[in-house]
Amino acid sequence: MAMHKYTSIEEFLKDYEKYPESYNMMVNIQNIQDMGTLYKPVINMAVMELEKGELYVQDKPGKDPWGKDYKETRYSITRKGLLKIANAAKATFGQPTFTYIPEQECYLCTTTMRYVGIREGDWQYTTCSKDAPLTKNGSKGTYKNADALRKSESGAQDACIRQAFAIQGHYSLEDATHPFVMAFWMLDDAIDEVRQGRIAAGTGATQMLFDSRQNGNIKQLESSKVVDTGSGEVLIDGK
């Protein structure tokens, strides 16, 4: 089925009802409903592309739901692909917090992701943590992990994306390349007074979560990475 730009929720739902297996929905389809004349629909799609480094082969996918080995090659989504999915949901990350755990010689990062709800301005939040060791064991013995802080932050961000949008650990290539769909409603641009009122109403909650010094400039890490195809661990930044 060829993808195209939808002009209405009804048009999208018509295709979805015919081909539900062709979409990876990031929002409950039952929550998409008519919001009235003040709103217009937005349907954002993120399509994973193997040749752009957004997927990698998962060498250890485990067993299928029936306890048997997978017959087809399985693919996992890289950090670059995860950020592409998060962008479709207008996601941003708040100020991370880092905790050093001496017993485990690692840094633990906790971060919160904000993403669009059913309506633009009705933000949803997901908080996750991830640790990264200061030392690692490799083929040449123990070595220092110079990027422990950065890796714990990127790991926590990736965990937020996976949790918020129910991203699976691996997919068949066909399922992985079906579009990841986020559908929501936004106020019509012509009704600016209503839009400004909603923005003002959400300012207080936003300031409680995000560092005011980062207002409008929330940091996101570089998304082009070389990934260990066995573990999924980021090995080299592609800049």
C-alpha atoms as a PDB file:
ATOM      1  CA  MET A   1       0.000   0.000   0.000  1.00  0.00           C
ATOM      2  CA  ALA A   2       1.474   3.330  -1.073  1.00  0.00           C
ATOM      3  CA  MET A   3       1.857   6.017   1.576  1.00  0.00           C
ATOM      4  CA  HIS A   4       0.404   9.440   1.034  1.00  0.00           C
ATOM      5  CA  LYS A   5      -0.411  12.557   2.985  1.00  0.00           C
ATOM      6  CA  TYR A   6      -3.765  12.303   4.716  1.00  0.00           C
ATOM      7  CA  THR A   7      -6.042  15.326   4.839  1.00  0.00           C
ATOM      8  CA  SER A   8      -8.464  13.975   7.430  1.00  0.00           C
ATOM      9  CA  ILE A   9      -8.645  11.491  10.276  1.00  0.00           C
ATOM     10  CA  GLU A  10     -11.501   9.780   8.460  1.00  0.00           C
ATOM     11  CA  GLU A  11      -9.305   9.203   5.413  1.00  0.00           C
ATOM     12  CA  PHE A  12      -6.576   7.659   7.562  1.00  0.00           C
ATOM     13  CA  LEU A  13      -9.009   5.473   9.531  1.00  0.00           C
ATOM     14  CA  LYS A  14     -10.448   4.161   6.283  1.00  0.00           C
ATOM     15  CA  ASP A  15      -7.015   2.900   5.243  1.00  0.00           C
ATOM     16  CA  TYR A  16      -6.254   1.653   8.753  1.00  0.00           C
ATOM     17  CA  GLU A  17      -9.442  -0.410   8.867  1.00  0.00           C
ATOM     18  CA  LYS A  18      -8.446  -2.066   5.587  1.00  0.00           C
ATOM     19  CA  TYR A  19      -4.776  -2.636   6.433  1.00  0.00           C
ATOM     20  CA  PRO A  20      -4.278  -2.482  10.247  1.00  0.00           C
ATOM     21  CA  GLU A  21      -1.194  -4.715   9.982  1.00  0.00           C
ATOM     22  CA  SER A  22       0.499  -2.070   7.813  1.00  0.00           C
ATOM     23  CA  TYR A  23       0.858   0.474  10.647  1.00  0.00           C
ATOM     24  CA  ASN A  24       2.770   0.595  13.922  1.00  0.00           C
ATOM     25  CA  MET A  25       0.408   2.780  15.946  1.00  0.00           C
ATOM     26  CA  MET A  26       1.970   5.017  18.620  1.00  0.00           C
ATOM     27  CA  VAL A  27      -1.413   6.083  19.986  1.00  0.00           C
ATOM     28  CA  ASN A  28      -4.555   4.137  20.860  1.00  0.00           C
ATOM     29  CA  ILE A  29      -6.671   4.167  17.714  1.00  0.00           C
ATOM     30  CA  GLN A  30      -9.841   4.395  19.811  1.00  0.00           C
ATOM     31  CA  ASN A  31      -8.701   7.756  21.189  1.00  0.00           C
ATOM     32  CA  ILE A  32      -8.738   9.371  17.747  1.00  0.00           C
ATOM     33  CA  GLN A  33     -12.079  11.113  17.566  1.00  0.00           C
ATOM     34  CA  ASP A  34     -13.652  14.279  16.205  1.00  0.00           C
ATOM     35  CA  MET A  35     -12.531  17.284  18.247  1.00  0.00           C
ATOM     36  CA  GLY A  36     -14.801  19.831  16.601  1.00  0.00           C
ATOM     37  CA  THR A  37     -14.161  22.885  14.460  1.00  0.00           C
ATOM     38  CA  LEU A  38     -11.409  24.369  16.667  1.00  0.00           C
ATOM     39  CA  TYR A  39      -9.017  21.557  15.818  1.00  0.00           C
ATOM     40  CA  LYS A  40      -7.442  20.024  12.744  1.00  0.00           C
ATOM     41  CA  PRO A  41      -5.876  16.550  12.523  1.00  0.00           C
ATOM     42  CA  VAL A  42      -2.138  15.888  12.333  1.00  0.00           C
ATOM     43  CA  ILE A  43      -0.897  12.466  11.286  1.00  0.00           C
ATOM     44  CA  ASN A  44       2.883  12.112  11.595  1.00  0.00           C
ATOM     45  CA  MET A  45       4.600   9.011  10.262  1.00  0.00           C
ATOM     46  CA  ALA A  46       8.159   7.820  10.867  1.00  0.00           C
ATOM     47  CA  VAL A  47       9.413   5.137   8.477  1.00  0.00           C
ATOM     48  CA  MET A  48      12.570   3.196   9.425  1.00  0.00           C
ATOM     49  CA  GLU A  49      15.162   2.875   6.651  1.00  0.00           C
ATOM     50  CA  LEU A  50      17.800   0.151   6.866  1.00  0.00           C
ATOM     51  CA  GLU A  51      20.190   1.903   4.484  1.00  0.00           C
ATOM     52  CA  LYS A  52      20.166   5.034   6.663  1.00  0.00           C
ATOM     53  CA  GLY A  53      21.281   3.182   9.784  1.00  0.00           C
ATOM     54  CA  GLU A  54      17.887   3.263  11.487  1.00  0.00           C
ATOM     55  CA  LEU A  55      17.737  -0.541  11.805  1.00  0.00           C
ATOM     56  CA  TYR A  56      20.316  -3.196  12.607  1.00  0.00           C
ATOM     57  CA  VAL A  57      20.299  -7.000  12.618  1.00  0.00           C
ATOM     58  CA  GLN A  58      19.473  -8.454  16.032  1.00  0.00           C
ATOM     59  CA  ASP A  59      21.753 -11.489  16.328  1.00  0.00           C
ATOM     60  CA  LYS A  60      20.204 -12.778  19.557  1.00  0.00           C
ATOM     61  CA  PRO A  61      16.420 -12.301  19.281  1.00  0.00           C
ATOM     62  CA  GLY A  62      15.629 -15.240  21.554  1.00  0.00           C
ATOM     63  CA  LYS A  63      12.619 -17.452  20.866  1.00  0.00           C
ATOM     64  CA  ASP A  64       9.363 -16.592  19.152  1.00  0.00           C
ATOM     65  CA  PRO A  65       6.059 -16.565  21.136  1.00  0.00           C
ATOM     66  CA  TRP A  66       5.765 -20.329  20.506  1.00  0.00           C
ATOM     67  CA  GLY A  67       9.204 -21.076  21.941  1.00  0.00           C
ATOM     68  CA  LYS A  68      10.867 -21.731  18.590  1.00  0.00           C
ATOM     69  CA  ASP A  69      13.754 -20.037  16.815  1.00  0.00           C
ATOM     70  CA  TYR A  70      12.788 -17.224  14.455  1.00  0.00           C
ATOM     71  CA  LYS A  71      12.916 -18.310  10.829  1.00  0.00           C
ATOM     72  CA  GLU A  72      13.449 -14.800   9.479  1.00  0.00           C
ATOM     73  CA  THR A  73      16.154 -12.246  10.284  1.00  0.00           C
ATOM     74  CA  ARG A  74      15.095  -9.919  13.076  1.00  0.00           C
ATOM     75  CA  TYR A  75      15.819  -6.178  13.161  1.00  0.00           C
ATOM     76  CA  SER A  76      16.056  -3.727  16.061  1.00  0.00           C
ATOM     77  CA  ILE A  77      15.715   0.052  15.890  1.00  0.00           C
ATOM     78  CA  THR A  78      18.858   2.124  16.436  1.00  0.00           C
ATOM     79  CA  ARG A  79      19.014   5.337  18.451  1.00  0.00           C
ATOM     80  CA  LYS A  80      18.806   7.295  15.200  1.00  0.00           C
ATOM     81  CA  GLY A  81      15.550   5.519  14.381  1.00  0.00           C
ATOM     82  CA  LEU A  82      14.185   5.972  17.899  1.00  0.00           C
ATOM     83  CA  LEU A  83      14.768   9.738  17.741  1.00  0.00           C
ATOM     84  CA  LYS A  84      12.983   9.803  14.383  1.00  0.00           C
ATOM     85  CA  ILE A  85       9.981   8.129  16.041  1.00  0.00           C
ATOM     86  CA  ALA A  86      10.139  10.554  18.979  1.00  0.00           C
ATOM     87  CA  ASN A  87      10.182  13.503  16.576  1.00  0.00           C
ATOM     88  CA  ALA A  88       6.900  12.289  15.067  1.00  0.00           C
ATOM     89  CA  ALA A  89       5.394  12.653  18.549  1.00  0.00           C
ATOM     90  CA  LYS A  90       6.966  16.118  19.061  1.00  0.00           C
ATOM     91  CA  ALA A  91       8.991  14.694  21.964  1.00  0.00           C
ATOM     92  CA  THR A  92      11.506  16.699  23.982  1.00  0.00           C
ATOM     93  CA  PHE A  93      13.656  15.744  26.978  1.00  0.00           C
ATOM     94  CA  GLY A  94      13.909  17.579  30.270  1.00  0.00           C
ATOM     95  CA  GLN A  95      17.021  18.292  32.318  1.00  0.00           C
ATOM     96  CA  PRO A  96      18.645  14.924  33.200  1.00  0.00           C
ATOM     97  CA  THR A  97      19.839  14.032  36.690  1.00  0.00           C
ATOM     98  CA  PHE A  98      22.963  11.919  37.253  1.00  0.00           C
ATOM     99  CA  THR A  99      23.757   9.769  40.272  1.00  0.00           C
ATOM    100  CA  TYR A 100      27.080   8.047  40.854  1.00  0.00           C
ATOM    101  CA  ILE A 101      26.746   4.567  42.358  1.00  0.00           C
ATOM    102  CA  PRO A 102      30.141   3.656  43.879  1.00  0.00           C
ATOM    103  CA  GLU A 103      29.225   0.033  44.611  1.00  0.00           C
ATOM    104  CA  GLN A 104      28.659  -0.597  40.914  1.00  0.00           C
ATOM    105  CA  GLU A 105      31.135   2.005  39.627  1.00  0.00           C
ATOM    106  CA  CYS A 106      28.567   3.474  37.290  1.00  0.00           C
ATOM    107  CA  TYR A 107      26.515   6.576  36.604  1.00  0.00           C
ATOM    108  CA  LEU A 108      22.733   6.399  36.683  1.00  0.00           C
ATOM    109  CA  CYS A 109      20.860   8.937  34.549  1.00  0.00           C
ATOM    110  CA  THR A 110      17.166   9.715  34.982  1.00  0.00           C
ATOM    111  CA  THR A 111      15.337  11.809  32.409  1.00  0.00           C
ATOM    112  CA  THR A 112      11.764  12.689  31.486  1.00  0.00           C
ATOM    113  CA  MET A 113      10.371  12.848  27.989  1.00  0.00           C
ATOM    114  CA  ARG A 114       7.440  15.067  27.080  1.00  0.00           C
ATOM    115  CA  TYR A 115       5.378  14.206  24.006  1.00  0.00           C
ATOM    116  CA  VAL A 116       2.120  15.243  22.419  1.00  0.00           C
ATOM    117  CA  GLY A 117      -1.157  13.829  23.714  1.00  0.00           C
ATOM    118  CA  ILE A 118      -4.445  13.467  21.878  1.00  0.00           C
ATOM    119  CA  ARG A 119      -4.421  17.259  21.499  1.00  0.00           C
ATOM    120  CA  GLU A 120      -1.435  19.511  20.987  1.00  0.00           C
ATOM    121  CA  GLY A 121      -0.722  21.071  24.363  1.00  0.00           C
ATOM    122  CA  ASP A 122      -2.106  18.120  26.329  1.00  0.00           C
ATOM    123  CA  TRP A 123       1.384  16.790  27.015  1.00  0.00           C
ATOM    124  CA  GLN A 124       2.184  13.261  28.149  1.00  0.00           C
ATOM    125  CA  TYR A 125       5.262  12.402  30.266  1.00  0.00           C
ATOM    126  CA  THR A 126       7.435   9.311  30.643  1.00  0.00           C
ATOM    127  CA  THR A 127      10.409   9.005  33.020  1.00  0.00           C
ATOM    128  CA  CYS A 128      13.141   6.348  32.720  1.00  0.00           C
ATOM    129  CA  SER A 129      16.600   5.656  34.102  1.00  0.00           C
ATOM    130  CA  LYS A 130      19.684   3.989  32.640  1.00  0.00           C
ATOM    131  CA  ASP A 131      23.138   3.273  34.043  1.00  0.00           C
ATOM    132  CA  ALA A 132      26.523   3.131  32.330  1.00  0.00           C
ATOM    133  CA  PRO A 133      29.698   1.672  33.929  1.00  0.00           C
ATOM    134  CA  LEU A 134      32.889   3.662  34.325  1.00  0.00           C
ATOM    135  CA  THR A 135      34.958   0.600  33.436  1.00  0.00           C
ATOM    136  CA  LYS A 136      34.195  -2.145  30.907  1.00  0.00           C
ATOM    137  CA  ASN A 137      35.657  -5.507  30.060  1.00  0.00           C
ATOM    138  CA  GLY A 138      36.773  -6.012  26.488  1.00  0.00           C
ATOM    139  CA  SER A 139      39.009  -8.282  24.447  1.00  0.00           C
ATOM    140  CA  LYS A 140      42.047  -6.319  25.628  1.00  0.00           C
ATOM    141  CA  GLY A 141      41.079  -6.371  29.287  1.00  0.00           C
ATOM    142  CA  THR A 142      39.449  -3.738  31.465  1.00  0.00           C
ATOM    143  CA  TYR A 143      39.279  -0.201  30.106  1.00  0.00           C
ATOM    144  CA  LYS A 144      37.750   3.117  31.136  1.00  0.00           C
ATOM    145  CA  ASN A 145      34.429   4.148  29.642  1.00  0.00           C
ATOM    146  CA  ALA A 146      35.063   7.808  28.893  1.00  0.00           C
ATOM    147  CA  ASP A 147      31.489   8.378  27.725  1.00  0.00           C
ATOM    148  CA  ALA A 148      29.657   6.940  30.732  1.00  0.00           C
ATOM    149  CA  LEU A 149      27.652  10.109  31.404  1.00  0.00           C
ATOM    150  CA  ARG A 150      26.630  10.589  27.796  1.00  0.00           C
ATOM    151  CA  LYS A 151      25.795   6.915  27.305  1.00  0.00           C
ATOM    152  CA  SER A 152      23.662   6.795  30.445  1.00  0.00           C
ATOM    153  CA  GLU A 153      21.753   9.872  29.211  1.00  0.00           C
ATOM    154  CA  SER A 154      21.205   8.516  25.706  1.00  0.00           C
ATOM    155  CA  GLY A 155      20.201   5.164  27.206  1.00  0.00           C
ATOM    156  CA  ALA A 156      17.621   6.803  29.465  1.00  0.00           C
ATOM    157  CA  GLN A 157      16.224   8.785  26.542  1.00  0.00           C
ATOM    158  CA  ASP A 158      15.989   5.651  24.389  1.00  0.00           C
ATOM    159  CA  ALA A 159      14.219   3.837  27.238  1.00  0.00           C
ATOM    160  CA  CYS A 160      11.645   6.643  27.424  1.00  0.00           C
ATOM    161  CA  ILE A 161      10.919   6.349  23.697  1.00  0.00           C
ATOM    162  CA  ARG A 162      10.600   2.573  23.835  1.00  0.00           C
ATOM    163  CA  GLN A 163       8.315   2.677  26.866  1.00  0.00           C
ATOM    164  CA  ALA A 164       6.083   5.540  25.716  1.00  0.00           C
ATOM    165  CA  PHE A 165       5.412   4.102  22.265  1.00  0.00           C
ATOM    166  CA  ALA A 166       5.633   0.357  23.058  1.00  0.00           C
ATOM    167  CA  ILE A 167       8.627  -0.179  20.760  1.00  0.00           C
ATOM    168  CA  GLN A 168       9.455  -3.868  20.531  1.00  0.00           C
ATOM    169  CA  GLY A 169      12.946  -5.251  21.018  1.00  0.00           C
ATOM    170  CA  HIS A 170      13.014  -6.529  17.434  1.00  0.00           C
ATOM    171  CA  TYR A 171      10.815  -6.912  14.369  1.00  0.00           C
ATOM    172  CA  SER A 172      10.731  -8.688  11.044  1.00  0.00           C
ATOM    173  CA  LEU A 173      12.039  -6.388   8.309  1.00  0.00           C
ATOM    174  CA  GLU A 174       8.503  -6.023   6.936  1.00  0.00           C
ATOM    175  CA  ASP A 175       7.048  -4.989  10.308  1.00  0.00           C
ATOM    176  CA  ALA A 176       9.994  -2.711  11.131  1.00  0.00           C
ATOM    177  CA  THR A 177       9.510  -0.761   7.905  1.00  0.00           C
ATOM    178  CA  HIS A 178       5.773  -0.231   8.382  1.00  0.00           C
ATOM    179  CA  PRO A 179       5.234   3.429   9.359  1.00  0.00           C
ATOM    180  CA  PHE A 180       5.174   4.334  13.041  1.00  0.00           C
ATOM    181  CA  VAL A 181       2.115   6.577  13.306  1.00  0.00           C
ATOM    182  CA  MET A 182       1.322   9.373  15.762  1.00  0.00           C
ATOM    183  CA  ALA A 183      -2.078  11.033  15.272  1.00  0.00           C
ATOM    184  CA  PHE A 184      -3.262  14.031  17.268  1.00  0.00           C
ATOM    185  CA  TRP A 185      -5.314  17.204  16.970  1.00  0.00           C
ATOM    186  CA  MET A 186      -3.977  20.735  16.939  1.00  0.00           C
ATOM    187  CA  LEU A 187      -5.762  24.047  17.085  1.00  0.00           C
ATOM    188  CA  ASP A 188      -6.514  25.696  13.780  1.00  0.00           C
ATOM    189  CA  ASP A 189      -3.855  28.352  13.078  1.00  0.00           C
ATOM    190  CA  ALA A 190      -6.612  30.846  12.329  1.00  0.00           C
ATOM    191  CA  ILE A 191      -7.808  30.763  15.963  1.00  0.00           C
ATOM    192  CA  ASP A 192      -4.712  32.336  17.471  1.00  0.00           C
ATOM    193  CA  GLU A 193      -6.419  33.643  20.642  1.00  0.00           C
ATOM    194  CA  VAL A 194      -7.473  30.135  21.676  1.00  0.00           C
ATOM    195  CA  ARG A 195      -4.002  28.787  20.924  1.00  0.00           C
ATOM    196  CA  GLN A 196      -2.336  31.417  23.097  1.00  0.00           C
ATOM    197  CA  GLY A 197      -4.718  30.640  25.929  1.00  0.00           C
ATOM    198  CA  ARG A 198      -3.833  26.951  25.840  1.00  0.00           C
ATOM    199  CA  ILE A 199      -0.109  27.706  25.719  1.00  0.00           C
ATOM    200  CA  ALA A 200      -0.424  29.984  28.738  1.00  0.00           C
ATOM    201  CA  ALA A 201      -2.394  27.354  30.630  1.00  0.00           C
ATOM    202  CA  GLY A 202       0.357  24.794  30.115  1.00  0.00           C
ATOM    203  CA  THR A 203       3.269  27.045  31.042  1.00  0.00           C
ATOM    204  CA  GLY A 204       3.151  26.320  34.766  1.00  0.00           C
ATOM    205  CA  ALA A 205       3.317  22.550  34.394  1.00  0.00           C
ATOM    206  CA  THR A 206       6.093  22.824  31.843  1.00  0.00           C
ATOM    207  CA  GLN A 207       8.268  24.996  34.074  1.00  0.00           C
ATOM    208  CA  MET A 208       7.941  22.490  36.900  1.00  0.00           C
ATOM    209  CA  LEU A 209       9.493  19.821  34.687  1.00  0.00           C
ATOM    210  CA  PHE A 210      12.022  21.671  32.582  1.00  0.00           C
ATOM    211  CA  ASP A 211      14.944  23.813  33.670  1.00  0.00           C
ATOM    212  CA  SER A 212      13.979  27.399  32.845  1.00  0.00           C
ATOM    213  CA  ARG A 213      17.476  27.989  31.529  1.00  0.00           C
ATOM    214  CA  GLN A 214      16.758  25.484  28.780  1.00  0.00           C
ATOM    215  CA  ASN A 215      13.387  26.941  27.811  1.00  0.00           C
ATOM    216  CA  GLY A 216      12.976  26.568  24.072  1.00  0.00           C
ATOM    217  CA  ASN A 217      16.392  24.951  23.718  1.00  0.00           C
ATOM    218  CA  ILE A 218      16.162  21.462  25.149  1.00  0.00           C
ATOM    219  CA  LYS A 219      19.221  19.412  24.306  1.00  0.00           C
ATOM    220  CA  GLN A 220      19.006  16.258  22.233  1.00  0.00           C
ATOM    221  CA  LEU A 221      22.042  14.066  21.660  1.00  0.00           C
ATOM    222  CA  GLU A 222      23.514  13.296  18.242  1.00  0.00           C
ATOM    223  CA  SER A 223      21.463  10.600  16.569  1.00  0.00           C
ATOM    224  CA  SER A 224      23.853   9.103  13.995  1.00  0.00           C
ATOM    225  CA  LYS A 225      25.563   6.136  15.640  1.00  0.00           C
ATOM    226  CA  VAL A 226      27.437   2.939  14.795  1.00  0.00           C
ATOM    227  CA  VAL A 227      25.776   0.122  16.735  1.00  0.00           C
ATOM    228  CA  ASP A 228      27.099  -3.203  17.985  1.00  0.00           C
ATOM    229  CA  THR A 229      24.813  -5.592  16.075  1.00  0.00           C
ATOM    230  CA  GLY A 230      24.941  -8.142  18.863  1.00  0.00           C
ATOM    231  CA  SER A 231      24.118  -6.015  21.875  1.00  0.00           C
ATOM    232  CA  GLY A 232      22.753  -2.834  20.308  1.00  0.00           C
ATOM    233  CA  GLU A 233      25.362  -0.788  22.224  1.00  0.00           C
ATOM    234  CA  VAL A 234      26.497   2.479  20.671  1.00  0.00           C
ATOM    235  CA  LEU A 235      30.147   2.134  19.667  1.00  0.00           C
ATOM    236  CA  ILE A 236      31.063   5.148  17.546  1.00  0.00           C
ATOM    237  CA  ASP A 237      29.421   8.526  16.999  1.00  0.00           C
ATOM    238  CA  GLY A 238      28.851   9.450  13.377  1.00  0.00           C
ATOM    239  CA  LYS A 239      29.221  13.218  13.187  1.00  0.00           C
END
